[in-house]
Amino acid sequence: MEWTAMNIALLIVVFTILMIQSITLFTKAKKRNRSAWLWGLLGIIQFPWPSIFFYLFVVRKDRKASIK
């Protein structure tokens, strides 16, 4: 892989997206007392599945529990 301006720009964009997702998942999981480090690490690995799983397994469960 050659280090062209396009490749560097793409890496910067991907890194930024992953870091924003990771920090967001970490802070939201910490507020809910739900394995903040795990969600933060999962957020660094890939995009967008950790955010989707966080919504399905944490946010929806908390909403259902608060309704009952």
PDB file of N, CA and C in Angstrom:
ATOM      1  N   MET A   1       0.842  -1.174   0.000  1.00  0.00           N
ATOM      2  CA  MET A   1       0.000   0.000   0.000  1.00  0.00           C
ATOM      3  C   MET A   1       0.891   1.242   0.000  1.00  0.00           C
ATOM      4  N   GLU A   2       0.645   2.098  -0.914  1.00  0.00           N
ATOM      5  CA  GLU A   2       1.382   3.354  -0.967  1.00  0.00           C
ATOM      6  C   GLU A   2       0.675   4.401  -0.110  1.00  0.00           C
ATOM      7  N   TRP A   3       1.461   5.250   0.500  1.00  0.00           N
ATOM      8  CA  TRP A   3       0.917   6.286   1.359  1.00  0.00           C
ATOM      9  C   TRP A   3       0.607   7.534   0.546  1.00  0.00           C
ATOM     10  N   THR A   4      -0.546   7.507  -0.105  1.00  0.00           N
ATOM     11  CA  THR A   4      -0.978   8.667  -0.868  1.00  0.00           C
ATOM     12  C   THR A   4      -1.809   9.568   0.039  1.00  0.00           C
ATOM     13  N   ALA A   5      -2.106  10.738  -0.443  1.00  0.00           N
ATOM     14  CA  ALA A   5      -2.918  11.685   0.338  1.00  0.00           C
ATOM     15  C   ALA A   5      -4.315  11.120   0.586  1.00  0.00           C
ATOM     16  N   MET A   6      -4.842  10.394  -0.393  1.00  0.00           N
ATOM     17  CA  MET A   6      -6.178   9.801  -0.247  1.00  0.00           C
ATOM     18  C   MET A   6      -6.180   8.721   0.838  1.00  0.00           C
ATOM     19  N   ASN A   7      -5.157   7.890   0.871  1.00  0.00           N
ATOM     20  CA  ASN A   7      -5.078   6.842   1.886  1.00  0.00           C
ATOM     21  C   ASN A   7      -4.927   7.432   3.286  1.00  0.00           C
ATOM     22  N   ILE A   8      -4.118   8.448   3.405  1.00  0.00           N
ATOM     23  CA  ILE A   8      -3.925   9.084   4.705  1.00  0.00           C
ATOM     24  C   ILE A   8      -5.212   9.749   5.178  1.00  0.00           C
ATOM     25  N   ALA A   9      -5.905  10.413   4.278  1.00  0.00           N
ATOM     26  CA  ALA A   9      -7.174  11.054   4.639  1.00  0.00           C
ATOM     27  C   ALA A   9      -8.203  10.009   5.069  1.00  0.00           C
ATOM     28  N   LEU A  10      -8.252   8.886   4.362  1.00  0.00           N
ATOM     29  CA  LEU A  10      -9.182   7.820   4.712  1.00  0.00           C
ATOM     30  C   LEU A  10      -8.852   7.236   6.086  1.00  0.00           C
ATOM     31  N   LEU A  11      -7.587   7.025   6.378  1.00  0.00           N
ATOM     32  CA  LEU A  11      -7.192   6.522   7.689  1.00  0.00           C
ATOM     33  C   LEU A  11      -7.557   7.499   8.807  1.00  0.00           C
ATOM     34  N   ILE A  12      -7.398   8.771   8.555  1.00  0.00           N
ATOM     35  CA  ILE A  12      -7.764   9.777   9.558  1.00  0.00           C
ATOM     36  C   ILE A  12      -9.267   9.769   9.815  1.00  0.00           C
ATOM     37  N   VAL A  13     -10.054   9.657   8.763  1.00  0.00           N
ATOM     38  CA  VAL A  13     -11.512   9.618   8.912  1.00  0.00           C
ATOM     39  C   VAL A  13     -11.944   8.367   9.676  1.00  0.00           C
ATOM     40  N   VAL A  14     -11.400   7.213   9.316  1.00  0.00           N
ATOM     41  CA  VAL A  14     -11.754   5.961   9.996  1.00  0.00           C
ATOM     42  C   VAL A  14     -11.335   6.014  11.464  1.00  0.00           C
ATOM     43  N   PHE A  15     -10.136   6.490  11.743  1.00  0.00           N
ATOM     44  CA  PHE A  15      -9.667   6.615  13.119  1.00  0.00           C
ATOM     45  C   PHE A  15     -10.579   7.532  13.929  1.00  0.00           C
ATOM     46  N   THR A  16     -10.979   8.651  13.338  1.00  0.00           N
ATOM     47  CA  THR A  16     -11.859   9.593  14.030  1.00  0.00           C
ATOM     48  C   THR A  16     -13.212   8.967  14.343  1.00  0.00           C
ATOM     49  N   ILE A  17     -13.788   8.264  13.380  1.00  0.00           N
ATOM     50  CA  ILE A  17     -15.083   7.609  13.598  1.00  0.00           C
ATOM     51  C   ILE A  17     -14.982   6.571  14.713  1.00  0.00           C
ATOM     52  N   LEU A  18     -13.943   5.754  14.676  1.00  0.00           N
ATOM     53  CA  LEU A  18     -13.792   4.714  15.694  1.00  0.00           C
ATOM     54  C   LEU A  18     -13.561   5.306  17.079  1.00  0.00           C
ATOM     55  N   MET A  19     -12.790   6.368  17.169  1.00  0.00           N
ATOM     56  CA  MET A  19     -12.541   6.981  18.473  1.00  0.00           C
ATOM     57  C   MET A  19     -13.799   7.639  19.038  1.00  0.00           C
ATOM     58  N   ILE A  20     -14.552   8.323  18.192  1.00  0.00           N
ATOM     59  CA  ILE A  20     -15.796   8.945  18.654  1.00  0.00           C
ATOM     60  C   ILE A  20     -16.770   7.879  19.145  1.00  0.00           C
ATOM     61  N   GLN A  21     -16.899   6.796  18.383  1.00  0.00           N
ATOM     62  CA  GLN A  21     -17.784   5.715  18.785  1.00  0.00           C
ATOM     63  C   GLN A  21     -17.319   5.095  20.100  1.00  0.00           C
ATOM     64  N   SER A  22     -16.037   4.847  20.229  1.00  0.00           N
ATOM     65  CA  SER A  22     -15.501   4.223  21.429  1.00  0.00           C
ATOM     66  C   SER A  22     -15.722   5.097  22.664  1.00  0.00           C
ATOM     67  N   ILE A  23     -15.433   6.371  22.554  1.00  0.00           N
ATOM     68  CA  ILE A  23     -15.612   7.284  23.684  1.00  0.00           C
ATOM     69  C   ILE A  23     -17.090   7.409  24.056  1.00  0.00           C
ATOM     70  N   THR A  24     -17.946   7.471  23.058  1.00  0.00           N
ATOM     71  CA  THR A  24     -19.383   7.568  23.316  1.00  0.00           C
ATOM     72  C   THR A  24     -19.901   6.320  24.021  1.00  0.00           C
ATOM     73  N   LEU A  25     -19.529   5.149  23.513  1.00  0.00           N
ATOM     74  CA  LEU A  25     -19.970   3.907  24.148  1.00  0.00           C
ATOM     75  C   LEU A  25     -19.436   3.795  25.569  1.00  0.00           C
ATOM     76  N   PHE A  26     -18.182   4.173  25.778  1.00  0.00           N
ATOM     77  CA  PHE A  26     -17.598   4.112  27.117  1.00  0.00           C
ATOM     78  C   PHE A  26     -18.358   4.994  28.093  1.00  0.00           C
ATOM     79  N   THR A  27     -18.619   6.239  27.710  1.00  0.00           N
ATOM     80  CA  THR A  27     -19.282   7.162  28.640  1.00  0.00           C
ATOM     81  C   THR A  27     -20.732   6.753  28.902  1.00  0.00           C
ATOM     82  N   LYS A  28     -21.428   6.290  27.881  1.00  0.00           N
ATOM     83  CA  LYS A  28     -22.818   5.873  28.090  1.00  0.00           C
ATOM     84  C   LYS A  28     -22.900   4.607  28.936  1.00  0.00           C
ATOM     85  N   ALA A  29     -21.985   3.665  28.711  1.00  0.00           N
ATOM     86  CA  ALA A  29     -21.978   2.445  29.517  1.00  0.00           C
ATOM     87  C   ALA A  29     -21.591   2.742  30.963  1.00  0.00           C
ATOM     88  N   LYS A  30     -20.702   3.684  31.155  1.00  0.00           N
ATOM     89  CA  LYS A  30     -20.295   4.051  32.512  1.00  0.00           C
ATOM     90  C   LYS A  30     -21.466   4.669  33.277  1.00  0.00           C
ATOM     91  N   LYS A  31     -22.256   5.495  32.609  1.00  0.00           N
ATOM     92  CA  LYS A  31     -23.426   6.098  33.256  1.00  0.00           C
ATOM     93  C   LYS A  31     -24.454   5.045  33.649  1.00  0.00           C
ATOM     94  N   ARG A  32     -24.525   3.956  32.870  1.00  0.00           N
ATOM     95  CA  ARG A  32     -25.492   2.889  33.140  1.00  0.00           C
ATOM     96  C   ARG A  32     -24.898   1.743  33.961  1.00  0.00           C
ATOM     97  N   ASN A  33     -23.638   1.881  34.397  1.00  0.00           N
ATOM     98  CA  ASN A  33     -22.943   0.829  35.143  1.00  0.00           C
ATOM     99  C   ASN A  33     -22.950  -0.499  34.390  1.00  0.00           C
ATOM    100  N   ARG A  34     -22.551  -0.465  33.136  1.00  0.00           N
ATOM    101  CA  ARG A  34     -22.577  -1.644  32.270  1.00  0.00           C
ATOM    102  C   ARG A  34     -21.250  -1.878  31.560  1.00  0.00           C
ATOM    103  N   SER A  35     -20.253  -2.367  32.213  1.00  0.00           N
ATOM    104  CA  SER A  35     -18.975  -2.776  31.610  1.00  0.00           C
ATOM    105  C   SER A  35     -18.431  -1.729  30.640  1.00  0.00           C
ATOM    106  N   ALA A  36     -18.104  -0.584  31.161  1.00  0.00           N
ATOM    107  CA  ALA A  36     -17.679   0.527  30.319  1.00  0.00           C
ATOM    108  C   ALA A  36     -16.441   0.195  29.498  1.00  0.00           C
ATOM    109  N   TRP A  37     -15.460  -0.473  30.105  1.00  0.00           N
ATOM    110  CA  TRP A  37     -14.237  -0.788  29.368  1.00  0.00           C
ATOM    111  C   TRP A  37     -14.505  -1.751  28.222  1.00  0.00           C
ATOM    112  N   LEU A  38     -15.378  -2.703  28.437  1.00  0.00           N
ATOM    113  CA  LEU A  38     -15.719  -3.650  27.369  1.00  0.00           C
ATOM    114  C   LEU A  38     -16.330  -2.926  26.180  1.00  0.00           C
ATOM    115  N   TRP A  39     -17.290  -2.067  26.440  1.00  0.00           N
ATOM    116  CA  TRP A  39     -17.938  -1.350  25.338  1.00  0.00           C
ATOM    117  C   TRP A  39     -16.977  -0.380  24.669  1.00  0.00           C
ATOM    118  N   GLY A  40     -16.100   0.236  25.438  1.00  0.00           N
ATOM    119  CA  GLY A  40     -15.098   1.121  24.853  1.00  0.00           C
ATOM    120  C   GLY A  40     -14.150   0.386  23.932  1.00  0.00           C
ATOM    121  N   LEU A  41     -13.690  -0.779  24.359  1.00  0.00           N
ATOM    122  CA  LEU A  41     -12.799  -1.579  23.514  1.00  0.00           C
ATOM    123  C   LEU A  41     -13.509  -2.101  22.271  1.00  0.00           C
ATOM    124  N   LEU A  42     -14.735  -2.539  22.435  1.00  0.00           N
ATOM    125  CA  LEU A  42     -15.494  -2.998  21.263  1.00  0.00           C
ATOM    126  C   LEU A  42     -15.707  -1.859  20.268  1.00  0.00           C
ATOM    127  N   GLY A  43     -15.872  -0.658  20.780  1.00  0.00           N
ATOM    128  CA  GLY A  43     -16.065   0.492  19.899  1.00  0.00           C
ATOM    129  C   GLY A  43     -14.853   0.833  19.067  1.00  0.00           C
ATOM    130  N   ILE A  44     -13.657   0.495  19.559  1.00  0.00           N
ATOM    131  CA  ILE A  44     -12.437   0.763  18.802  1.00  0.00           C
ATOM    132  C   ILE A  44     -12.250  -0.248  17.671  1.00  0.00           C
ATOM    133  N   ILE A  45     -12.762  -1.447  17.854  1.00  0.00           N
ATOM    134  CA  ILE A  45     -12.493  -2.540  16.918  1.00  0.00           C
ATOM    135  C   ILE A  45     -13.183  -2.354  15.574  1.00  0.00           C
ATOM    136  N   GLN A  46     -14.449  -1.995  15.586  1.00  0.00           N
ATOM    137  CA  GLN A  46     -15.177  -1.896  14.321  1.00  0.00           C
ATOM    138  C   GLN A  46     -16.325  -0.899  14.417  1.00  0.00           C
ATOM    139  N   PHE A  47     -16.929  -0.624  13.294  1.00  0.00           N
ATOM    140  CA  PHE A  47     -18.047   0.313  13.198  1.00  0.00           C
ATOM    141  C   PHE A  47     -19.070  -0.287  12.251  1.00  0.00           C
ATOM    142  N   PRO A  48     -20.314  -0.203  12.458  1.00  0.00           N
ATOM    143  CA  PRO A  48     -21.178   0.331  13.498  1.00  0.00           C
ATOM    144  C   PRO A  48     -21.740  -0.718  14.442  1.00  0.00           C
ATOM    145  N   TRP A  49     -21.319  -1.989  14.329  1.00  0.00           N
ATOM    146  CA  TRP A  49     -21.944  -3.055  15.108  1.00  0.00           C
ATOM    147  C   TRP A  49     -21.923  -2.853  16.613  1.00  0.00           C
ATOM    148  N   PRO A  50     -20.839  -2.408  17.230  1.00  0.00           N
ATOM    149  CA  PRO A  50     -20.896  -2.205  18.680  1.00  0.00           C
ATOM    150  C   PRO A  50     -21.965  -1.202  19.110  1.00  0.00           C
ATOM    151  N   SER A  51     -22.172  -0.158  18.323  1.00  0.00           N
ATOM    152  CA  SER A  51     -23.223   0.813  18.657  1.00  0.00           C
ATOM    153  C   SER A  51     -24.606   0.185  18.547  1.00  0.00           C
ATOM    154  N   ILE A  52     -24.802  -0.630  17.540  1.00  0.00           N
ATOM    155  CA  ILE A  52     -26.093  -1.307  17.364  1.00  0.00           C
ATOM    156  C   ILE A  52     -26.331  -2.289  18.502  1.00  0.00           C
ATOM    157  N   PHE A  53     -25.309  -3.088  18.846  1.00  0.00           N
ATOM    158  CA  PHE A  53     -25.453  -4.043  19.943  1.00  0.00           C
ATOM    159  C   PHE A  53     -25.653  -3.344  21.277  1.00  0.00           C
ATOM    160  N   PHE A  54     -24.994  -2.227  21.495  1.00  0.00           N
ATOM    161  CA  PHE A  54     -25.186  -1.470  22.732  1.00  0.00           C
ATOM    162  C   PHE A  54     -26.634  -1.020  22.838  1.00  0.00           C
ATOM    163  N   TYR A  55     -27.186  -0.530  21.753  1.00  0.00           N
ATOM    164  CA  TYR A  55     -28.582  -0.102  21.779  1.00  0.00           C
ATOM    165  C   TYR A  55     -29.507  -1.287  22.063  1.00  0.00           C
ATOM    166  N   LEU A  56     -29.273  -2.405  21.385  1.00  0.00           N
ATOM    167  CA  LEU A  56     -30.159  -3.558  21.545  1.00  0.00           C
ATOM    168  C   LEU A  56     -30.056  -4.199  22.924  1.00  0.00           C
ATOM    169  N   PHE A  57     -28.831  -4.372  23.430  1.00  0.00           N
ATOM    170  CA  PHE A  57     -28.647  -5.134  24.655  1.00  0.00           C
ATOM    171  C   PHE A  57     -28.610  -4.295  25.925  1.00  0.00           C
ATOM    172  N   VAL A  58     -28.360  -3.011  25.828  1.00  0.00           N
ATOM    173  CA  VAL A  58     -28.267  -2.192  27.027  1.00  0.00           C
ATOM    174  C   VAL A  58     -29.400  -1.169  27.077  1.00  0.00           C
ATOM    175  N   VAL A  59     -29.509  -0.351  26.070  1.00  0.00           N
ATOM    176  CA  VAL A  59     -30.488   0.739  26.105  1.00  0.00           C
ATOM    177  C   VAL A  59     -31.917   0.197  26.111  1.00  0.00           C
ATOM    178  N   ARG A  60     -32.212  -0.740  25.236  1.00  0.00           N
ATOM    179  CA  ARG A  60     -33.578  -1.272  25.194  1.00  0.00           C
ATOM    180  C   ARG A  60     -33.944  -2.011  26.472  1.00  0.00           C
ATOM    181  N   LYS A  61     -32.988  -2.773  27.037  1.00  0.00           N
ATOM    182  CA  LYS A  61     -33.257  -3.472  28.301  1.00  0.00           C
ATOM    183  C   LYS A  61     -33.544  -2.474  29.418  1.00  0.00           C
ATOM    184  N   ASP A  62     -32.773  -1.397  29.476  1.00  0.00           N
ATOM    185  CA  ASP A  62     -33.000  -0.388  30.512  1.00  0.00           C
ATOM    186  C   ASP A  62     -34.340   0.304  30.333  1.00  0.00           C
ATOM    187  N   ARG A  63     -34.710   0.545  29.097  1.00  0.00           N
ATOM    188  CA  ARG A  63     -36.011   1.189  28.851  1.00  0.00           C
ATOM    189  C   ARG A  63     -37.163   0.255  29.246  1.00  0.00           C
ATOM    190  N   LYS A  64     -37.039  -1.023  28.894  1.00  0.00           N
ATOM    191  CA  LYS A  64     -38.082  -1.987  29.261  1.00  0.00           C
ATOM    192  C   LYS A  64     -38.179  -2.136  30.761  1.00  0.00           C
ATOM    193  N   ALA A  65     -37.059  -2.129  31.447  1.00  0.00           N
ATOM    194  CA  ALA A  65     -37.052  -2.264  32.904  1.00  0.00           C
ATOM    195  C   ALA A  65     -37.665  -1.038  33.584  1.00  0.00           C
ATOM    196  N   SER A  66     -37.466   0.141  33.005  1.00  0.00           N
ATOM    197  CA  SER A  66     -38.014   1.340  33.622  1.00  0.00           C
ATOM    198  C   SER A  66     -39.515   1.487  33.365  1.00  0.00           C
ATOM    199  N   ILE A  67     -40.016   0.861  32.322  1.00  0.00           N
ATOM    200  CA  ILE A  67     -41.451   0.924  32.031  1.00  0.00           C
ATOM    201  C   ILE A  67     -42.234   0.063  33.003  1.00  0.00           C
ATOM    202  N   LYS A  68     -41.667  -1.083  33.377  1.00  0.00           N
ATOM    203  CA  LYS A  68     -42.387  -2.022  34.266  1.00  0.00           C
ATOM    204  C   LYS A  68     -42.450  -1.554  35.666  1.00  0.00           C
TER     205      LYS A  68
END
